[in-house]
Amino acid sequence: MRGDNLWTISRRTYGEGERYTLIFDANQDQVRDPDLIYPGQVLVLPDKDVVDAGQTGKRD
């Protein structure tokens, strides 16, 4: 979607923008900077059930 960024994708997918790091970590092969994503990129979104089962979305 136009204007998308990892924060809004995370908020729409997981209900929390703070979990954008999960998307970033899963897509490091194509996203070098979490502030820069481009039209046409196809991102991997980790399964919400796996995320809810114990991932906080925050890095140590």
Protein backbone atom coordinates (compact mmCIF):
# COMPACT_ATOMS: atom_id res chain seq x y z
CA MET A 1 0.00 0.00 0.00
CA ARG A 2 1.11 3.50 -0.69
CA GLY A 3 2.71 5.07 2.38
CA ASP A 4 3.32 1.74 4.09
CA ASN A 5 6.22 1.31 6.45
CA LEU A 6 7.23 -1.53 8.74
CA TRP A 7 5.54 0.11 11.74
CA THR A 8 2.13 0.35 10.04
CA ILE A 9 2.42 -3.13 8.54
CA SER A 10 3.26 -4.48 12.00
CA ARG A 11 0.38 -2.62 13.62
CA ARG A 12 -2.03 -3.93 10.97
CA THR A 13 -0.67 -7.51 11.16
CA TYR A 14 0.17 -7.96 14.86
CA GLY A 15 -1.79 -5.15 16.50
CA GLU A 16 1.40 -3.48 17.74
CA GLY A 17 3.72 -1.25 15.75
CA GLU A 18 6.59 -2.04 18.10
CA ARG A 19 6.80 -5.51 16.56
CA TYR A 20 8.17 -4.06 13.31
CA THR A 21 11.54 -5.58 14.28
CA LEU A 22 10.11 -9.05 13.66
CA ILE A 23 9.36 -8.09 10.06
CA PHE A 24 12.74 -6.41 9.69
CA ASP A 25 14.59 -9.43 11.06
CA ALA A 26 12.68 -11.79 8.75
CA ASN A 27 13.56 -9.66 5.71
CA GLN A 28 17.16 -8.61 6.28
CA ASP A 29 18.11 -10.08 2.92
CA GLN A 30 16.16 -7.29 1.19
CA VAL A 31 15.65 -4.55 3.81
CA ARG A 32 18.86 -2.90 4.95
CA ASP A 33 17.20 0.02 6.74
CA PRO A 34 13.84 -0.48 8.50
CA ASP A 35 12.93 3.12 7.60
CA LEU A 36 13.25 2.42 3.87
CA ILE A 37 11.01 -0.03 2.07
CA TYR A 38 10.14 0.30 -1.58
CA PRO A 39 7.11 -0.27 -3.81
CA GLY A 40 7.00 -3.79 -5.16
CA GLN A 41 8.93 -5.38 -2.30
CA VAL A 42 7.36 -8.62 -1.14
CA LEU A 43 8.01 -9.00 2.57
CA VAL A 44 7.92 -12.12 4.73
CA LEU A 45 5.56 -11.65 7.67
CA PRO A 46 6.21 -14.07 10.53
CA ASP A 47 3.10 -16.02 11.54
CA LYS A 48 1.01 -14.09 14.07
CA ASP A 49 0.44 -17.24 16.15
CA VAL A 50 4.18 -17.80 16.53
CA VAL A 51 4.72 -14.16 17.40
CA ASP A 52 1.92 -14.23 19.99
CA ALA A 53 3.34 -17.41 21.52
CA GLY A 54 6.37 -15.68 22.95
CA GLN A 55 8.00 -13.05 20.80
CA THR A 56 7.96 -9.54 22.19
CA GLY A 57 9.19 -7.87 19.03
CA LYS A 58 11.88 -6.07 21.00
CA ARG A 59 15.57 -6.68 20.59
CA ASP A 60 17.86 -7.36 23.51
